[in-house]
Amino acid sequence: MSRLKTSHIVEAAFWLTLVAIFFAYSFEFNKEIEIYKYGATLWPRTILFLMALAAIGQLIDQYKNGDTTSSSKMAAAHEEPEANPEHSGLAWYTSTAIILAIPFVYMNLPEYITGSMNVAEDAREQTLANMKLMCAAGLFILYLILGWRNHVGAILALPIFFAAVLQDMGFYAMAPLFIVGVMILMGERRVSRMALVMPLIYGLLLLFFVALLYVGLPTGNINPFYNFGNWIVTLLQ
């Protein structure tokens, strides 16, 4: 007997739609790389494939078992509104929508503001970089404030926010924050455990992608993130 709820289907549809959007976007940078025969899209598409596989796998598991194997926070999010009033109502849905919109605001607002300013052409690039840093800081604070009371929205928005800042601030600087953020949102509060797990996961990712596959992960294009990313690449290669 199916134990699927509407929220399960909506969640799976959200992740699969996100995968489809980013897969379509990957054709924009689908270029050959001289030092890497598989091109620039292999690792992003691999991650997208794993995301789609996880979403489908979770949907199948929920079809068979419902929420019995879900984490406590995500299971709470799937409860019916009558049993879980915290995850229903206009305020909660509005908060979720705002959190999910934060990454897209970052991708558009800095360029809009910079474009509306009377900035000399030779200073435009630096002005845009400064605007992105200020917007990222402000939006991150907003994400923390809203996400503190809306863990489901924060969990859904975190990978999108991570992807949105990846090109500007780089994988090497942002990945540790992303890993810690995932652990916190999943209920981990022990600093000692996070201090042990985060470097381990980060190190394995760097070893796999940079040292073994020789994949050009984004270094960012805004300092000091760009310099930090180049330093990591130089250290590993």
C-alpha atoms as a PDB file:
ATOM      1  CA  MET A   1       0.000   0.000   0.000  1.00  0.00           C
ATOM      2  CA  SER A   2       1.348   3.393  -0.956  1.00  0.00           C
ATOM      3  CA  ARG A   3       2.301   5.699   1.911  1.00  0.00           C
ATOM      4  CA  LEU A   4       3.045   8.636  -0.326  1.00  0.00           C
ATOM      5  CA  LYS A   5       1.749  12.050   0.670  1.00  0.00           C
ATOM      6  CA  THR A   6       1.372  15.099  -1.501  1.00  0.00           C
ATOM      7  CA  SER A   7       4.389  16.663   0.225  1.00  0.00           C
ATOM      8  CA  HIS A   8       6.561  13.687  -0.814  1.00  0.00           C
ATOM      9  CA  ILE A   9       5.634  14.135  -4.466  1.00  0.00           C
ATOM     10  CA  VAL A  10       6.113  17.914  -4.299  1.00  0.00           C
ATOM     11  CA  GLU A  11       9.560  17.507  -2.734  1.00  0.00           C
ATOM     12  CA  ALA A  12      10.672  14.970  -5.360  1.00  0.00           C
ATOM     13  CA  ALA A  13       9.278  17.156  -8.148  1.00  0.00           C
ATOM     14  CA  PHE A  14      11.146  20.156  -6.750  1.00  0.00           C
ATOM     15  CA  TRP A  15      14.515  18.385  -6.754  1.00  0.00           C
ATOM     16  CA  LEU A  16      13.997  16.807 -10.186  1.00  0.00           C
ATOM     17  CA  THR A  17      12.939  20.155 -11.644  1.00  0.00           C
ATOM     18  CA  LEU A  18      16.019  21.766 -10.117  1.00  0.00           C
ATOM     19  CA  VAL A  19      18.202  19.047 -11.647  1.00  0.00           C
ATOM     20  CA  ALA A  20      16.585  19.614 -15.051  1.00  0.00           C
ATOM     21  CA  ILE A  21      17.147  23.387 -14.861  1.00  0.00           C
ATOM     22  CA  PHE A  22      20.807  23.080 -13.942  1.00  0.00           C
ATOM     23  CA  PHE A  23      21.348  20.337 -16.524  1.00  0.00           C
ATOM     24  CA  ALA A  24      19.970  22.629 -19.230  1.00  0.00           C
ATOM     25  CA  TYR A  25      22.210  25.432 -17.936  1.00  0.00           C
ATOM     26  CA  SER A  26      25.268  23.158 -18.132  1.00  0.00           C
ATOM     27  CA  PHE A  27      25.181  23.354 -21.949  1.00  0.00           C
ATOM     28  CA  GLU A  28      26.249  26.999 -21.637  1.00  0.00           C
ATOM     29  CA  PHE A  29      29.679  25.998 -20.342  1.00  0.00           C
ATOM     30  CA  ASN A  30      29.973  22.641 -22.092  1.00  0.00           C
ATOM     31  CA  LYS A  31      33.473  23.247 -23.440  1.00  0.00           C
ATOM     32  CA  GLU A  32      36.524  21.083 -23.946  1.00  0.00           C
ATOM     33  CA  ILE A  33      39.363  21.435 -21.460  1.00  0.00           C
ATOM     34  CA  GLU A  34      42.857  20.800 -22.733  1.00  0.00           C
ATOM     35  CA  ILE A  35      44.070  19.192 -19.520  1.00  0.00           C
ATOM     36  CA  TYR A  36      40.910  17.169 -18.877  1.00  0.00           C
ATOM     37  CA  LYS A  37      39.450  15.041 -21.660  1.00  0.00           C
ATOM     38  CA  TYR A  38      35.921  14.792 -20.189  1.00  0.00           C
ATOM     39  CA  GLY A  39      35.199  18.496 -20.493  1.00  0.00           C
ATOM     40  CA  ALA A  40      33.836  21.092 -18.107  1.00  0.00           C
ATOM     41  CA  THR A  41      30.439  19.509 -17.522  1.00  0.00           C
ATOM     42  CA  LEU A  42      31.374  16.057 -16.220  1.00  0.00           C
ATOM     43  CA  TRP A  43      31.504  16.797 -12.506  1.00  0.00           C
ATOM     44  CA  PRO A  44      28.443  19.107 -12.399  1.00  0.00           C
ATOM     45  CA  ARG A  45      26.390  16.584 -14.347  1.00  0.00           C
ATOM     46  CA  THR A  46      27.640  13.779 -12.116  1.00  0.00           C
ATOM     47  CA  ILE A  47      26.415  15.676  -9.073  1.00  0.00           C
ATOM     48  CA  LEU A  48      23.088  16.368 -10.815  1.00  0.00           C
ATOM     49  CA  PHE A  49      22.756  12.668 -11.617  1.00  0.00           C
ATOM     50  CA  LEU A  50      23.367  11.776  -7.971  1.00  0.00           C
ATOM     51  CA  MET A  51      20.811  14.393  -6.863  1.00  0.00           C
ATOM     52  CA  ALA A  52      18.201  12.925  -9.225  1.00  0.00           C
ATOM     53  CA  LEU A  53      19.052   9.396  -8.087  1.00  0.00           C
ATOM     54  CA  ALA A  54      18.699  10.433  -4.438  1.00  0.00           C
ATOM     55  CA  ALA A  55      15.355  12.138  -5.068  1.00  0.00           C
ATOM     56  CA  ILE A  56      13.955   9.107  -6.889  1.00  0.00           C
ATOM     57  CA  GLY A  57      15.360   6.738  -4.274  1.00  0.00           C
ATOM     58  CA  GLN A  58      13.816   8.744  -1.457  1.00  0.00           C
ATOM     59  CA  LEU A  59      10.461   8.803  -3.266  1.00  0.00           C
ATOM     60  CA  ILE A  60      10.542   5.021  -3.675  1.00  0.00           C
ATOM     61  CA  ASP A  61      11.448   4.598  -0.004  1.00  0.00           C
ATOM     62  CA  GLN A  62       8.608   6.915   1.041  1.00  0.00           C
ATOM     63  CA  TYR A  63       6.250   4.965  -1.230  1.00  0.00           C
ATOM     64  CA  LYS A  64       7.107   1.807   0.694  1.00  0.00           C
ATOM     65  CA  ASN A  65       7.779   3.074   4.215  1.00  0.00           C
ATOM     66  CA  GLY A  66       6.323   6.570   4.509  1.00  0.00           C
ATOM     67  CA  ASP A  67       8.316   8.754   6.883  1.00  0.00           C
ATOM     68  CA  THR A  68       9.491   5.968   9.161  1.00  0.00           C
ATOM     69  CA  THR A  69      13.075   6.138   7.867  1.00  0.00           C
ATOM     70  CA  SER A  70      13.293   9.908   7.466  1.00  0.00           C
ATOM     71  CA  SER A  71      15.243  12.152   9.751  1.00  0.00           C
ATOM     72  CA  SER A  72      13.236  13.764  12.544  1.00  0.00           C
ATOM     73  CA  LYS A  73      13.280  17.221  10.996  1.00  0.00           C
ATOM     74  CA  MET A  74      12.288  16.132   7.522  1.00  0.00           C
ATOM     75  CA  ALA A  75       9.692  13.739   8.901  1.00  0.00           C
ATOM     76  CA  ALA A  76       8.186  16.608  10.837  1.00  0.00           C
ATOM     77  CA  ALA A  77       7.978  18.599   7.636  1.00  0.00           C
ATOM     78  CA  HIS A  78       5.971  15.832   5.997  1.00  0.00           C
ATOM     79  CA  GLU A  79       3.358  15.562   8.725  1.00  0.00           C
ATOM     80  CA  GLU A  80      -0.152  16.656   7.964  1.00  0.00           C
ATOM     81  CA  PRO A  81      -0.855  20.339   8.819  1.00  0.00           C
ATOM     82  CA  GLU A  82      -3.284  19.357  11.570  1.00  0.00           C
ATOM     83  CA  ALA A  83      -0.591  17.312  13.313  1.00  0.00           C
ATOM     84  CA  ASN A  84       2.185  19.762  12.559  1.00  0.00           C
ATOM     85  CA  PRO A  85       0.853  23.345  12.641  1.00  0.00           C
ATOM     86  CA  GLU A  86       4.387  24.757  12.577  1.00  0.00           C
ATOM     87  CA  HIS A  87       4.683  23.706   8.930  1.00  0.00           C
ATOM     88  CA  SER A  88       1.443  25.177   7.667  1.00  0.00           C
ATOM     89  CA  GLY A  89      -0.208  28.532   7.371  1.00  0.00           C
ATOM     90  CA  LEU A  90       0.462  31.632   5.319  1.00  0.00           C
ATOM     91  CA  ALA A  91       3.419  32.786   7.438  1.00  0.00           C
ATOM     92  CA  TRP A  92       5.300  29.512   7.006  1.00  0.00           C
ATOM     93  CA  TYR A  93       4.690  29.295   3.252  1.00  0.00           C
ATOM     94  CA  THR A  94       5.696  32.952   2.853  1.00  0.00           C
ATOM     95  CA  SER A  95       8.884  32.340   4.828  1.00  0.00           C
ATOM     96  CA  THR A  96       9.694  29.288   2.694  1.00  0.00           C
ATOM     97  CA  ALA A  97       9.120  31.231  -0.524  1.00  0.00           C
ATOM     98  CA  ILE A  98      11.397  34.053   0.642  1.00  0.00           C
ATOM     99  CA  ILE A  99      14.162  31.627   1.635  1.00  0.00           C
ATOM    100  CA  LEU A 100      13.976  29.862  -1.723  1.00  0.00           C
ATOM    101  CA  ALA A 101      14.076  33.226  -3.509  1.00  0.00           C
ATOM    102  CA  ILE A 102      17.290  34.349  -1.750  1.00  0.00           C
ATOM    103  CA  PRO A 103      19.719  32.604  -4.174  1.00  0.00           C
ATOM    104  CA  PHE A 104      17.904  34.045  -7.193  1.00  0.00           C
ATOM    105  CA  VAL A 105      17.992  37.510  -5.647  1.00  0.00           C
ATOM    106  CA  TYR A 106      21.764  37.163  -5.311  1.00  0.00           C
ATOM    107  CA  MET A 107      22.108  36.131  -8.963  1.00  0.00           C
ATOM    108  CA  ASN A 108      20.275  39.236 -10.206  1.00  0.00           C
ATOM    109  CA  LEU A 109      20.320  42.060  -7.639  1.00  0.00           C
ATOM    110  CA  PRO A 110      24.056  43.015  -7.699  1.00  0.00           C
ATOM    111  CA  GLU A 111      24.109  43.404 -11.482  1.00  0.00           C
ATOM    112  CA  TYR A 112      20.843  45.347 -11.419  1.00  0.00           C
ATOM    113  CA  ILE A 113      22.146  47.772  -8.788  1.00  0.00           C
ATOM    114  CA  THR A 114      25.520  48.164 -10.502  1.00  0.00           C
ATOM    115  CA  GLY A 115      23.819  48.731 -13.850  1.00  0.00           C
ATOM    116  CA  SER A 116      21.671  51.495 -12.378  1.00  0.00           C
ATOM    117  CA  MET A 117      24.722  53.294 -10.962  1.00  0.00           C
ATOM    118  CA  ASN A 118      26.752  55.828 -12.895  1.00  0.00           C
ATOM    119  CA  VAL A 119      30.017  53.903 -12.803  1.00  0.00           C
ATOM    120  CA  ALA A 120      32.967  54.323 -15.151  1.00  0.00           C
ATOM    121  CA  GLU A 121      33.562  51.318 -17.395  1.00  0.00           C
ATOM    122  CA  ASP A 122      37.016  50.632 -15.974  1.00  0.00           C
ATOM    123  CA  ALA A 123      35.594  50.581 -12.427  1.00  0.00           C
ATOM    124  CA  ARG A 124      32.498  48.555 -13.222  1.00  0.00           C
ATOM    125  CA  GLU A 125      34.032  45.128 -12.573  1.00  0.00           C
ATOM    126  CA  GLN A 126      35.318  46.075  -9.107  1.00  0.00           C
ATOM    127  CA  THR A 127      32.061  47.824  -8.245  1.00  0.00           C
ATOM    128  CA  LEU A 128      30.108  44.723  -9.225  1.00  0.00           C
ATOM    129  CA  ALA A 129      32.416  42.540  -7.128  1.00  0.00           C
ATOM    130  CA  ASN A 130      31.937  44.786  -4.089  1.00  0.00           C
ATOM    131  CA  MET A 131      28.179  44.797  -4.640  1.00  0.00           C
ATOM    132  CA  LYS A 132      28.120  40.997  -4.806  1.00  0.00           C
ATOM    133  CA  LEU A 133      30.027  40.758  -1.527  1.00  0.00           C
ATOM    134  CA  MET A 134      27.630  43.145   0.213  1.00  0.00           C
ATOM    135  CA  CYS A 135      24.552  41.433  -1.199  1.00  0.00           C
ATOM    136  CA  ALA A 136      25.902  37.979  -0.294  1.00  0.00           C
ATOM    137  CA  ALA A 137      26.538  39.083   3.296  1.00  0.00           C
ATOM    138  CA  GLY A 138      23.105  40.672   3.671  1.00  0.00           C
ATOM    139  CA  LEU A 139      21.253  37.771   2.056  1.00  0.00           C
ATOM    140  CA  PHE A 140      23.191  35.248   4.141  1.00  0.00           C
ATOM    141  CA  ILE A 141      22.113  37.036   7.322  1.00  0.00           C
ATOM    142  CA  LEU A 142      18.513  37.002   6.064  1.00  0.00           C
ATOM    143  CA  TYR A 143      18.872  33.280   5.295  1.00  0.00           C
ATOM    144  CA  LEU A 144      20.086  32.610   8.839  1.00  0.00           C
ATOM    145  CA  ILE A 145      17.249  34.613  10.421  1.00  0.00           C
ATOM    146  CA  LEU A 146      14.503  32.953   8.388  1.00  0.00           C
ATOM    147  CA  GLY A 147      16.125  29.514   8.329  1.00  0.00           C
ATOM    148  CA  TRP A 148      16.479  29.437  12.111  1.00  0.00           C
ATOM    149  CA  ARG A 149      12.692  29.062  12.391  1.00  0.00           C
ATOM    150  CA  ASN A 150      12.122  27.278   9.081  1.00  0.00           C
ATOM    151  CA  HIS A 151      14.507  24.349   8.784  1.00  0.00           C
ATOM    152  CA  VAL A 152      12.687  22.816   5.828  1.00  0.00           C
ATOM    153  CA  GLY A 153      13.004  25.975   3.745  1.00  0.00           C
ATOM    154  CA  ALA A 154      16.635  26.324   4.821  1.00  0.00           C
ATOM    155  CA  ILE A 155      17.416  22.728   3.788  1.00  0.00           C
ATOM    156  CA  LEU A 156      15.803  23.204   0.374  1.00  0.00           C
ATOM    157  CA  ALA A 157      17.480  26.562  -0.271  1.00  0.00           C
ATOM    158  CA  LEU A 158      20.997  25.744   0.931  1.00  0.00           C
ATOM    159  CA  PRO A 159      22.214  23.816  -2.167  1.00  0.00           C
ATOM    160  CA  ILE A 160      20.694  26.468  -4.453  1.00  0.00           C
ATOM    161  CA  PHE A 161      22.409  29.241  -2.493  1.00  0.00           C
ATOM    162  CA  PHE A 162      25.666  27.289  -2.637  1.00  0.00           C
ATOM    163  CA  ALA A 163      25.346  26.902  -6.418  1.00  0.00           C
ATOM    164  CA  ALA A 164      24.480  30.590  -6.827  1.00  0.00           C
ATOM    165  CA  VAL A 165      27.665  31.848  -5.130  1.00  0.00           C
ATOM    166  CA  LEU A 166      29.915  29.134  -6.555  1.00  0.00           C
ATOM    167  CA  GLN A 167      31.059  31.044  -9.623  1.00  0.00           C
ATOM    168  CA  ASP A 168      31.889  34.211  -7.687  1.00  0.00           C
ATOM    169  CA  MET A 169      33.288  32.804  -4.443  1.00  0.00           C
ATOM    170  CA  GLY A 170      34.494  29.406  -5.523  1.00  0.00           C
ATOM    171  CA  PHE A 171      34.083  25.830  -4.421  1.00  0.00           C
ATOM    172  CA  TYR A 172      37.177  25.807  -2.246  1.00  0.00           C
ATOM    173  CA  ALA A 173      36.017  28.588   0.086  1.00  0.00           C
ATOM    174  CA  MET A 174      32.294  27.792   0.098  1.00  0.00           C
ATOM    175  CA  ALA A 175      32.339  23.980   0.397  1.00  0.00           C
ATOM    176  CA  PRO A 176      33.339  23.953   4.104  1.00  0.00           C
ATOM    177  CA  LEU A 177      30.469  26.332   4.922  1.00  0.00           C
ATOM    178  CA  PHE A 178      28.078  24.195   2.904  1.00  0.00           C
ATOM    179  CA  ILE A 179      29.142  20.997   4.671  1.00  0.00           C
ATOM    180  CA  VAL A 180      28.786  22.573   8.119  1.00  0.00           C
ATOM    181  CA  GLY A 181      25.430  24.058   7.112  1.00  0.00           C
ATOM    182  CA  VAL A 182      24.102  20.663   6.056  1.00  0.00           C
ATOM    183  CA  MET A 183      25.216  19.081   9.331  1.00  0.00           C
ATOM    184  CA  ILE A 184      23.573  21.820  11.412  1.00  0.00           C
ATOM    185  CA  LEU A 185      20.318  21.653   9.457  1.00  0.00           C
ATOM    186  CA  MET A 186      20.264  17.883   9.885  1.00  0.00           C
ATOM    187  CA  GLY A 187      20.405  18.293  13.651  1.00  0.00           C
ATOM    188  CA  GLU A 188      24.107  18.055  14.472  1.00  0.00           C
ATOM    189  CA  ARG A 189      25.089  20.411  17.290  1.00  0.00           C
ATOM    190  CA  ARG A 190      28.343  18.889  18.564  1.00  0.00           C
ATOM    191  CA  VAL A 191      31.181  21.219  17.591  1.00  0.00           C
ATOM    192  CA  SER A 192      33.762  18.473  18.092  1.00  0.00           C
ATOM    193  CA  ARG A 193      31.922  16.172  15.677  1.00  0.00           C
ATOM    194  CA  MET A 194      31.567  18.911  13.043  1.00  0.00           C
ATOM    195  CA  ALA A 195      35.233  19.869  13.463  1.00  0.00           C
ATOM    196  CA  LEU A 196      36.139  16.256  12.680  1.00  0.00           C
ATOM    197  CA  VAL A 197      33.649  15.439   9.907  1.00  0.00           C
ATOM    198  CA  MET A 198      33.863  18.668   7.890  1.00  0.00           C
ATOM    199  CA  PRO A 199      37.640  18.505   7.178  1.00  0.00           C
ATOM    200  CA  LEU A 200      37.317  14.789   6.397  1.00  0.00           C
ATOM    201  CA  ILE A 201      34.551  15.299   3.805  1.00  0.00           C
ATOM    202  CA  TYR A 202      36.240  18.411   2.409  1.00  0.00           C
ATOM    203  CA  GLY A 203      39.556  16.603   2.105  1.00  0.00           C
ATOM    204  CA  LEU A 204      37.974  13.625   0.346  1.00  0.00           C
ATOM    205  CA  LEU A 205      36.215  15.914  -2.132  1.00  0.00           C
ATOM    206  CA  LEU A 206      39.446  17.740  -2.916  1.00  0.00           C
ATOM    207  CA  LEU A 207      41.370  14.485  -3.217  1.00  0.00           C
ATOM    208  CA  PHE A 208      38.783  12.971  -5.562  1.00  0.00           C
ATOM    209  CA  PHE A 209      38.081  15.944  -7.822  1.00  0.00           C
ATOM    210  CA  VAL A 210      41.365  17.870  -7.800  1.00  0.00           C
ATOM    211  CA  ALA A 211      44.135  15.379  -7.110  1.00  0.00           C
ATOM    212  CA  LEU A 212      42.676  12.274  -8.832  1.00  0.00           C
ATOM    213  CA  LEU A 213      40.260  13.486 -11.531  1.00  0.00           C
ATOM    214  CA  TYR A 214      42.109  16.763 -12.079  1.00  0.00           C
ATOM    215  CA  VAL A 215      38.789  18.599 -12.388  1.00  0.00           C
ATOM    216  CA  GLY A 216      38.868  22.378 -12.553  1.00  0.00           C
ATOM    217  CA  LEU A 217      36.489  23.237  -9.717  1.00  0.00           C
ATOM    218  CA  PRO A 218      35.430  26.901  -9.578  1.00  0.00           C
ATOM    219  CA  THR A 219      38.052  29.034  -7.832  1.00  0.00           C
ATOM    220  CA  GLY A 220      35.807  32.100  -7.748  1.00  0.00           C
ATOM    221  CA  ASN A 221      36.489  35.441  -9.360  1.00  0.00           C
ATOM    222  CA  ILE A 222      36.296  37.742  -6.325  1.00  0.00           C
ATOM    223  CA  ASN A 223      39.169  38.187  -3.891  1.00  0.00           C
ATOM    224  CA  PRO A 224      40.075  36.867  -1.369  1.00  0.00           C
ATOM    225  CA  PHE A 225      38.139  33.771  -2.504  1.00  0.00           C
ATOM    226  CA  TYR A 226      39.949  33.634  -5.863  1.00  0.00           C
ATOM    227  CA  ASN A 227      43.383  33.723  -4.221  1.00  0.00           C
ATOM    228  CA  PHE A 228      42.364  31.069  -1.699  1.00  0.00           C
ATOM    229  CA  GLY A 229      41.073  28.761  -4.447  1.00  0.00           C
ATOM    230  CA  ASN A 230      44.256  29.139  -6.485  1.00  0.00           C
ATOM    231  CA  TRP A 231      46.344  28.440  -3.396  1.00  0.00           C
ATOM    232  CA  ILE A 232      44.456  25.169  -2.770  1.00  0.00           C
ATOM    233  CA  VAL A 233      44.812  24.087  -6.406  1.00  0.00           C
ATOM    234  CA  THR A 234      48.546  24.861  -6.403  1.00  0.00           C
ATOM    235  CA  LEU A 235      48.964  22.966  -3.135  1.00  0.00           C
ATOM    236  CA  LEU A 236      47.221  19.828  -4.438  1.00  0.00           C
ATOM    237  CA  GLN A 237      48.599  19.765  -7.972  1.00  0.00           C
END
